[in-house]
Amino acid sequence: MLATESVPPVTTTRWVARRKAQVVGAVQAGLLTIDEACQFYRLTLEEFLSWQRALNLFGVSGLKATNQRRASRQDLALWPSR
C-alpha cells in the first residue's frame, strides 16, 4: 500500500520516470484521484493518461522522455489516414 510519503512533493517540476510512476501508482492505489493528481501536480488529463498508458505498457522505462517521444511517433503511424 502506498502512503502520502511515497508520492512526489507537489512542488515537483522535474519529472523523471520514477516520479511519474509514483503519481500513477498513487492514483491506481486510490491514494489520489486522477483529478487530484492533475490539480496537485499541474498536469493535463492527457498528460496523466499518457503516463498511465506508458507505465502499463512498458513499465517505468516507458515513462522516460526519450521513450515517450518514440512511442508517440509509433502511435501516429498506427492511426489510419483520412
PDB file of N, CA and C in Angstrom:
ATOM      1  N   MET A   1       0.834  -1.189   0.000  1.00  0.00           N
ATOM      2  CA  MET A   1       0.000   0.000   0.000  1.00  0.00           C
ATOM      3  C   MET A   1       0.876   1.250   0.000  1.00  0.00           C
ATOM      4  N   LEU A   2       0.515   2.207  -0.778  1.00  0.00           N
ATOM      5  CA  LEU A   2       1.258   3.459  -0.851  1.00  0.00           C
ATOM      6  C   LEU A   2       0.841   4.403   0.266  1.00  0.00           C
ATOM      7  N   ALA A   3       1.771   5.239   0.670  1.00  0.00           N
ATOM      8  CA  ALA A   3       1.489   6.269   1.663  1.00  0.00           C
ATOM      9  C   ALA A   3       1.789   7.626   1.048  1.00  0.00           C
ATOM     10  N   THR A   4       1.289   8.672   1.669  1.00  0.00           N
ATOM     11  CA  THR A   4       1.499  10.009   1.124  1.00  0.00           C
ATOM     12  C   THR A   4       2.987  10.349   1.022  1.00  0.00           C
ATOM     13  N   GLU A   5       3.812   9.722   1.838  1.00  0.00           N
ATOM     14  CA  GLU A   5       5.253   9.954   1.777  1.00  0.00           C
ATOM     15  C   GLU A   5       5.864   9.368   0.517  1.00  0.00           C
ATOM     16  N   SER A   6       5.144   8.478  -0.161  1.00  0.00           N
ATOM     17  CA  SER A   6       5.703   7.814  -1.341  1.00  0.00           C
ATOM     18  C   SER A   6       5.381   8.533  -2.647  1.00  0.00           C
ATOM     19  N   VAL A   7       4.699   9.670  -2.563  1.00  0.00           N
ATOM     20  CA  VAL A   7       4.417  10.442  -3.776  1.00  0.00           C
ATOM     21  C   VAL A   7       5.320  11.674  -3.794  1.00  0.00           C
ATOM     22  N   PRO A   8       5.636  12.174  -4.976  1.00  0.00           N
ATOM     23  CA  PRO A   8       6.499  13.359  -5.048  1.00  0.00           C
ATOM     24  C   PRO A   8       5.832  14.568  -4.408  1.00  0.00           C
ATOM     25  N   PRO A   9       6.631  15.533  -3.943  1.00  0.00           N
ATOM     26  CA  PRO A   9       6.041  16.755  -3.403  1.00  0.00           C
ATOM     27  C   PRO A   9       5.299  17.514  -4.503  1.00  0.00           C
ATOM     28  N   VAL A  10       4.297  18.266  -4.135  1.00  0.00           N
ATOM     29  CA  VAL A  10       3.506  18.999  -5.125  1.00  0.00           C
ATOM     30  C   VAL A  10       4.315  20.097  -5.802  1.00  0.00           C
ATOM     31  N   THR A  11       5.462  20.417  -5.267  1.00  0.00           N
ATOM     32  CA  THR A  11       6.332  21.418  -5.874  1.00  0.00           C
ATOM     33  C   THR A  11       7.252  20.834  -6.949  1.00  0.00           C
ATOM     34  N   THR A  12       7.092  19.558  -7.255  1.00  0.00           N
ATOM     35  CA  THR A  12       7.937  18.896  -8.247  1.00  0.00           C
ATOM     36  C   THR A  12       7.818  19.580  -9.602  1.00  0.00           C
ATOM     37  N   THR A  13       8.956  19.870 -10.200  1.00  0.00           N
ATOM     38  CA  THR A  13       8.960  20.450 -11.545  1.00  0.00           C
ATOM     39  C   THR A  13       9.759  19.587 -12.519  1.00  0.00           C
ATOM     40  N   ARG A  14      10.636  18.761 -12.018  1.00  0.00           N
ATOM     41  CA  ARG A  14      11.436  17.886 -12.876  1.00  0.00           C
ATOM     42  C   ARG A  14      10.852  16.480 -12.789  1.00  0.00           C
ATOM     43  N   TRP A  15      10.250  16.029 -13.886  1.00  0.00           N
ATOM     44  CA  TRP A  15       9.527  14.769 -13.880  1.00  0.00           C
ATOM     45  C   TRP A  15      10.355  13.630 -14.473  1.00  0.00           C
ATOM     46  N   VAL A  16      11.108  12.961 -13.608  1.00  0.00           N
ATOM     47  CA  VAL A  16      11.828  11.767 -14.028  1.00  0.00           C
ATOM     48  C   VAL A  16      10.850  10.596 -14.002  1.00  0.00           C
ATOM     49  N   ALA A  17      11.221   9.509 -14.653  1.00  0.00           N
ATOM     50  CA  ALA A  17      10.332   8.358 -14.794  1.00  0.00           C
ATOM     51  C   ALA A  17       9.834   7.839 -13.443  1.00  0.00           C
ATOM     52  N   ARG A  18      10.707   7.773 -12.467  1.00  0.00           N
ATOM     53  CA  ARG A  18      10.323   7.248 -11.149  1.00  0.00           C
ATOM     54  C   ARG A  18       9.211   8.085 -10.512  1.00  0.00           C
ATOM     55  N   ARG A  19       9.309   9.406 -10.627  1.00  0.00           N
ATOM     56  CA  ARG A  19       8.288  10.279 -10.036  1.00  0.00           C
ATOM     57  C   ARG A  19       6.952  10.147 -10.766  1.00  0.00           C
ATOM     58  N   LYS A  20       7.010  10.030 -12.078  1.00  0.00           N
ATOM     59  CA  LYS A  20       5.781   9.818 -12.846  1.00  0.00           C
ATOM     60  C   LYS A  20       5.115   8.521 -12.403  1.00  0.00           C
ATOM     61  N   ALA A  21       5.917   7.468 -12.229  1.00  0.00           N
ATOM     62  CA  ALA A  21       5.382   6.175 -11.787  1.00  0.00           C
ATOM     63  C   ALA A  21       4.767   6.275 -10.396  1.00  0.00           C
ATOM     64  N   GLN A  22       5.354   7.083  -9.527  1.00  0.00           N
ATOM     65  CA  GLN A  22       4.803   7.263  -8.183  1.00  0.00           C
ATOM     66  C   GLN A  22       3.422   7.906  -8.239  1.00  0.00           C
ATOM     67  N   VAL A  23       3.255   8.896  -9.095  1.00  0.00           N
ATOM     68  CA  VAL A  23       1.958   9.569  -9.207  1.00  0.00           C
ATOM     69  C   VAL A  23       0.916   8.598  -9.776  1.00  0.00           C
ATOM     70  N   VAL A  24       1.267   7.887 -10.834  1.00  0.00           N
ATOM     71  CA  VAL A  24       0.336   6.913 -11.415  1.00  0.00           C
ATOM     72  C   VAL A  24      -0.001   5.834 -10.388  1.00  0.00           C
ATOM     73  N   GLY A  25       0.991   5.366  -9.664  1.00  0.00           N
ATOM     74  CA  GLY A  25       0.759   4.353  -8.640  1.00  0.00           C
ATOM     75  C   GLY A  25      -0.158   4.837  -7.530  1.00  0.00           C
ATOM     76  N   ALA A  26      -0.011   6.095  -7.156  1.00  0.00           N
ATOM     77  CA  ALA A  26      -0.873   6.670  -6.108  1.00  0.00           C
ATOM     78  C   ALA A  26      -2.320   6.703  -6.568  1.00  0.00           C
ATOM     79  N   VAL A  27      -2.548   7.022  -7.836  1.00  0.00           N
ATOM     80  CA  VAL A  27      -3.916   7.035  -8.367  1.00  0.00           C
ATOM     81  C   VAL A  27      -4.452   5.606  -8.439  1.00  0.00           C
ATOM     82  N   GLN A  28      -3.648   4.684  -8.936  1.00  0.00           N
ATOM     83  CA  GLN A  28      -4.094   3.292  -9.049  1.00  0.00           C
ATOM     84  C   GLN A  28      -4.394   2.675  -7.692  1.00  0.00           C
ATOM     85  N   ALA A  29      -3.669   3.107  -6.655  1.00  0.00           N
ATOM     86  CA  ALA A  29      -3.884   2.581  -5.301  1.00  0.00           C
ATOM     87  C   ALA A  29      -5.019   3.290  -4.576  1.00  0.00           C
ATOM     88  N   GLY A  30      -5.570   4.336  -5.183  1.00  0.00           N
ATOM     89  CA  GLY A  30      -6.667   5.052  -4.544  1.00  0.00           C
ATOM     90  C   GLY A  30      -6.229   6.121  -3.564  1.00  0.00           C
ATOM     91  N   LEU A  31      -4.929   6.406  -3.519  1.00  0.00           N
ATOM     92  CA  LEU A  31      -4.421   7.436  -2.624  1.00  0.00           C
ATOM     93  C   LEU A  31      -4.802   8.826  -3.129  1.00  0.00           C
ATOM     94  N   LEU A  32      -4.861   8.973  -4.453  1.00  0.00           N
ATOM     95  CA  LEU A  32      -5.285  10.214  -5.100  1.00  0.00           C
ATOM     96  C   LEU A  32      -6.273   9.865  -6.201  1.00  0.00           C
ATOM     97  N   THR A  33      -7.168  10.790  -6.512  1.00  0.00           N
ATOM     98  CA  THR A  33      -7.993  10.626  -7.701  1.00  0.00           C
ATOM     99  C   THR A  33      -7.207  11.206  -8.877  1.00  0.00           C
ATOM    100  N   ILE A  34      -7.626  10.897 -10.083  1.00  0.00           N
ATOM    101  CA  ILE A  34      -6.974  11.484 -11.251  1.00  0.00           C
ATOM    102  C   ILE A  34      -7.087  13.006 -11.192  1.00  0.00           C
ATOM    103  N   ASP A  35      -8.262  13.492 -10.837  1.00  0.00           N
ATOM    104  CA  ASP A  35      -8.460  14.951 -10.750  1.00  0.00           C
ATOM    105  C   ASP A  35      -7.520  15.580  -9.733  1.00  0.00           C
ATOM    106  N   GLU A  36      -7.364  14.943  -8.574  1.00  0.00           N
ATOM    107  CA  GLU A  36      -6.458  15.476  -7.552  1.00  0.00           C
ATOM    108  C   GLU A  36      -5.020  15.476  -8.053  1.00  0.00           C
ATOM    109  N   ALA A  37      -4.604  14.382  -8.669  1.00  0.00           N
ATOM    110  CA  ALA A  37      -3.236  14.297  -9.181  1.00  0.00           C
ATOM    111  C   ALA A  37      -2.975  15.396 -10.201  1.00  0.00           C
ATOM    112  N   CYS A  38      -3.920  15.596 -11.099  1.00  0.00           N
ATOM    113  CA  CYS A  38      -3.756  16.639 -12.118  1.00  0.00           C
ATOM    114  C   CYS A  38      -3.706  18.021 -11.491  1.00  0.00           C
ATOM    115  N   GLN A  39      -4.556  18.249 -10.511  1.00  0.00           N
ATOM    116  CA  GLN A  39      -4.575  19.554  -9.846  1.00  0.00           C
ATOM    117  C   GLN A  39      -3.307  19.774  -9.021  1.00  0.00           C
ATOM    118  N   PHE A  40      -2.943  18.802  -8.188  1.00  0.00           N
ATOM    119  CA  PHE A  40      -1.783  18.948  -7.316  1.00  0.00           C
ATOM    120  C   PHE A  40      -0.499  19.155  -8.111  1.00  0.00           C
ATOM    121  N   TYR A  41      -0.349  18.393  -9.194  1.00  0.00           N
ATOM    122  CA  TYR A  41       0.903  18.409  -9.949  1.00  0.00           C
ATOM    123  C   TYR A  41       0.826  19.246 -11.223  1.00  0.00           C
ATOM    124  N   ARG A  42      -0.283  19.953 -11.413  1.00  0.00           N
ATOM    125  CA  ARG A  42      -0.476  20.824 -12.583  1.00  0.00           C
ATOM    126  C   ARG A  42      -0.271  20.060 -13.886  1.00  0.00           C
ATOM    127  N   LEU A  43      -0.961  18.930 -13.989  1.00  0.00           N
ATOM    128  CA  LEU A  43      -0.902  18.091 -15.193  1.00  0.00           C
ATOM    129  C   LEU A  43      -2.205  18.221 -15.958  1.00  0.00           C
ATOM    130  N   THR A  44      -2.136  18.026 -17.252  1.00  0.00           N
ATOM    131  CA  THR A  44      -3.372  17.902 -18.013  1.00  0.00           C
ATOM    132  C   THR A  44      -3.833  16.453 -17.891  1.00  0.00           C
ATOM    133  N   LEU A  45      -5.106  16.229 -18.127  1.00  0.00           N
ATOM    134  CA  LEU A  45      -5.618  14.872 -18.097  1.00  0.00           C
ATOM    135  C   LEU A  45      -4.898  14.022 -19.142  1.00  0.00           C
ATOM    136  N   GLU A  46      -4.666  14.585 -20.322  1.00  0.00           N
ATOM    137  CA  GLU A  46      -3.995  13.854 -21.388  1.00  0.00           C
ATOM    138  C   GLU A  46      -2.582  13.454 -20.978  1.00  0.00           C
ATOM    139  N   GLU A  47      -1.884  14.353 -20.274  1.00  0.00           N
ATOM    140  CA  GLU A  47      -0.531  14.050 -19.828  1.00  0.00           C
ATOM    141  C   GLU A  47      -0.545  12.900 -18.825  1.00  0.00           C
ATOM    142  N   PHE A  48      -1.453  12.978 -17.841  1.00  0.00           N
ATOM    143  CA  PHE A  48      -1.538  11.893 -16.864  1.00  0.00           C
ATOM    144  C   PHE A  48      -1.870  10.570 -17.550  1.00  0.00           C
ATOM    145  N   LEU A  49      -2.847  10.584 -18.438  1.00  0.00           N
ATOM    146  CA  LEU A  49      -3.247   9.350 -19.116  1.00  0.00           C
ATOM    147  C   LEU A  49      -2.123   8.776 -19.970  1.00  0.00           C
ATOM    148  N   SER A  50      -1.298   9.640 -20.546  1.00  0.00           N
ATOM    149  CA  SER A  50      -0.158   9.142 -21.323  1.00  0.00           C
ATOM    150  C   SER A  50       0.860   8.472 -20.400  1.00  0.00           C
ATOM    151  N   TRP A  51       1.048   9.009 -19.199  1.00  0.00           N
ATOM    152  CA  TRP A  51       1.935   8.374 -18.227  1.00  0.00           C
ATOM    153  C   TRP A  51       1.384   7.008 -17.831  1.00  0.00           C
ATOM    154  N   GLN A  52       0.091   6.975 -17.559  1.00  0.00           N
ATOM    155  CA  GLN A  52      -0.544   5.730 -17.136  1.00  0.00           C
ATOM    156  C   GLN A  52      -0.415   4.662 -18.218  1.00  0.00           C
ATOM    157  N   ARG A  53      -0.682   5.058 -19.451  1.00  0.00           N
ATOM    158  CA  ARG A  53      -0.598   4.115 -20.574  1.00  0.00           C
ATOM    159  C   ARG A  53       0.831   3.609 -20.756  1.00  0.00           C
ATOM    160  N   ALA A  54       1.801   4.514 -20.722  1.00  0.00           N
ATOM    161  CA  ALA A  54       3.203   4.126 -20.889  1.00  0.00           C
ATOM    162  C   ALA A  54       3.651   3.191 -19.775  1.00  0.00           C
ATOM    163  N   LEU A  55       3.244   3.481 -18.547  1.00  0.00           N
ATOM    164  CA  LEU A  55       3.610   2.625 -17.419  1.00  0.00           C
ATOM    165  C   LEU A  55       2.995   1.244 -17.562  1.00  0.00           C
ATOM    166  N   ASN A  56       1.726   1.187 -17.950  1.00  0.00           N
ATOM    167  CA  ASN A  56       1.055  -0.094 -18.100  1.00  0.00           C
ATOM    168  C   ASN A  56       1.646  -0.917 -19.242  1.00  0.00           C
ATOM    169  N   LEU A  57       2.025  -0.262 -20.316  1.00  0.00           N
ATOM    170  CA  LEU A  57       2.550  -0.984 -21.483  1.00  0.00           C
ATOM    171  C   LEU A  57       4.024  -1.349 -21.365  1.00  0.00           C
ATOM    172  N   PHE A  58       4.839  -0.428 -20.819  1.00  0.00           N
ATOM    173  CA  PHE A  58       6.285  -0.596 -20.884  1.00  0.00           C
ATOM    174  C   PHE A  58       7.005  -0.546 -19.546  1.00  0.00           C
ATOM    175  N   GLY A  59       6.266  -0.347 -18.460  1.00  0.00           N
ATOM    176  CA  GLY A  59       6.909  -0.232 -17.162  1.00  0.00           C
ATOM    177  C   GLY A  59       7.532   1.146 -16.981  1.00  0.00           C
ATOM    178  N   VAL A  60       8.324   1.302 -15.938  1.00  0.00           N
ATOM    179  CA  VAL A  60       8.903   2.599 -15.606  1.00  0.00           C
ATOM    180  C   VAL A  60       9.762   3.130 -16.759  1.00  0.00           C
ATOM    181  N   SER A  61      10.455   2.258 -17.469  1.00  0.00           N
ATOM    182  CA  SER A  61      11.304   2.739 -18.569  1.00  0.00           C
ATOM    183  C   SER A  61      10.474   3.399 -19.674  1.00  0.00           C
ATOM    184  N   GLY A  62       9.207   3.031 -19.795  1.00  0.00           N
ATOM    185  CA  GLY A  62       8.340   3.656 -20.780  1.00  0.00           C
ATOM    186  C   GLY A  62       7.994   5.092 -20.446  1.00  0.00           C
ATOM    187  N   LEU A  63       8.286   5.513 -19.223  1.00  0.00           N
ATOM    188  CA  LEU A  63       8.000   6.881 -18.789  1.00  0.00           C
ATOM    189  C   LEU A  63       9.159   7.837 -19.046  1.00  0.00           C
ATOM    190  N   LYS A  64      10.275   7.312 -19.505  1.00  0.00           N
ATOM    191  CA  LYS A  64      11.408   8.186 -19.828  1.00  0.00           C
ATOM    192  C   LYS A  64      11.043   9.027 -21.033  1.00  0.00           C
ATOM    193  N   ALA A  65      11.482  10.272 -21.037  1.00  0.00           N
ATOM    194  CA  ALA A  65      11.109  11.214 -22.093  1.00  0.00           C
ATOM    195  C   ALA A  65      11.474  10.693 -23.479  1.00  0.00           C
ATOM    196  N   THR A  66      12.623  10.074 -23.626  1.00  0.00           N
ATOM    197  CA  THR A  66      13.017   9.575 -24.944  1.00  0.00           C
ATOM    198  C   THR A  66      12.095   8.461 -25.400  1.00  0.00           C
ATOM    199  N   ASN A  67      11.664   7.609 -24.502  1.00  0.00           N
ATOM    200  CA  ASN A  67      10.747   6.533 -24.862  1.00  0.00           C
ATOM    201  C   ASN A  67       9.361   7.066 -25.175  1.00  0.00           C
ATOM    202  N   GLN A  68       8.934   8.134 -24.500  1.00  0.00           N
ATOM    203  CA  GLN A  68       7.620   8.706 -24.778  1.00  0.00           C
ATOM    204  C   GLN A  68       7.576   9.327 -26.162  1.00  0.00           C
ATOM    205  N   ARG A  69       8.650   9.975 -26.566  1.00  0.00           N
ATOM    206  CA  ARG A  69       8.691  10.544 -27.918  1.00  0.00           C
ATOM    207  C   ARG A  69       8.640   9.427 -28.954  1.00  0.00           C
ATOM    208  N   ARG A  70       9.374   8.358 -28.708  1.00  0.00           N
ATOM    209  CA  ARG A  70       9.389   7.229 -29.636  1.00  0.00           C
ATOM    210  C   ARG A  70       8.004   6.596 -29.722  1.00  0.00           C
ATOM    211  N   ALA A  71       7.354   6.394 -28.585  1.00  0.00           N
ATOM    212  CA  ALA A  71       6.016   5.789 -28.563  1.00  0.00           C
ATOM    213  C   ALA A  71       5.005   6.690 -29.263  1.00  0.00           C
ATOM    214  N   SER A  72       5.145   8.005 -29.095  1.00  0.00           N
ATOM    215  CA  SER A  72       4.231   8.930 -29.739  1.00  0.00           C
ATOM    216  C   SER A  72       4.331   8.822 -31.255  1.00  0.00           C
ATOM    217  N   ARG A  73       5.541   8.713 -31.764  1.00  0.00           N
ATOM    218  CA  ARG A  73       5.723   8.558 -33.219  1.00  0.00           C
ATOM    219  C   ARG A  73       5.117   7.244 -33.688  1.00  0.00           C
ATOM    220  N   GLN A  74       5.260   6.186 -32.903  1.00  0.00           N
ATOM    221  CA  GLN A  74       4.687   4.895 -33.283  1.00  0.00           C
ATOM    222  C   GLN A  74       3.173   4.961 -33.254  1.00  0.00           C
ATOM    223  N   ASP A  75       2.592   5.657 -32.268  1.00  0.00           N
ATOM    224  CA  ASP A  75       1.132   5.800 -32.201  1.00  0.00           C
ATOM    225  C   ASP A  75       0.612   6.499 -33.442  1.00  0.00           C
ATOM    226  N   LEU A  76       1.326   7.541 -33.894  1.00  0.00           N
ATOM    227  CA  LEU A  76       0.887   8.260 -35.078  1.00  0.00           C
ATOM    228  C   LEU A  76       0.880   7.356 -36.300  1.00  0.00           C
ATOM    229  N   ALA A  77       1.827   6.439 -36.368  1.00  0.00           N
ATOM    230  CA  ALA A  77       1.911   5.526 -37.503  1.00  0.00           C
ATOM    231  C   ALA A  77       0.746   4.529 -37.499  1.00  0.00           C
ATOM    232  N   LEU A  78       0.158   4.298 -36.329  1.00  0.00           N
ATOM    233  CA  LEU A  78      -0.950   3.342 -36.228  1.00  0.00           C
ATOM    234  C   LEU A  78      -2.297   3.921 -36.603  1.00  0.00           C
ATOM    235  N   TRP A  79      -2.411   5.263 -36.594  1.00  0.00           N
ATOM    236  CA  TRP A  79      -3.679   5.913 -36.921  1.00  0.00           C
ATOM    237  C   TRP A  79      -3.953   5.763 -38.409  1.00  0.00           C
ATOM    238  N   PRO A  80      -5.167   5.395 -38.766  1.00  0.00           N
ATOM    239  CA  PRO A  80      -5.484   5.301 -40.196  1.00  0.00           C
ATOM    240  C   PRO A  80      -5.500   6.691 -40.827  1.00  0.00           C
ATOM    241  N   SER A  81      -5.031   6.756 -42.056  1.00  0.00           N
ATOM    242  CA  SER A  81      -5.063   8.045 -42.738  1.00  0.00           C
ATOM    243  C   SER A  81      -6.480   8.341 -43.192  1.00  0.00           C
ATOM    244  N   ARG A  82      -6.796   9.623 -43.261  1.00  0.00           N
ATOM    245  CA  ARG A  82      -8.164  10.023 -43.623  1.00  0.00           C
ATOM    246  C   ARG A  82      -8.239  10.473 -45.045  1.00  0.00           C
TER     247      ARG A  82
END
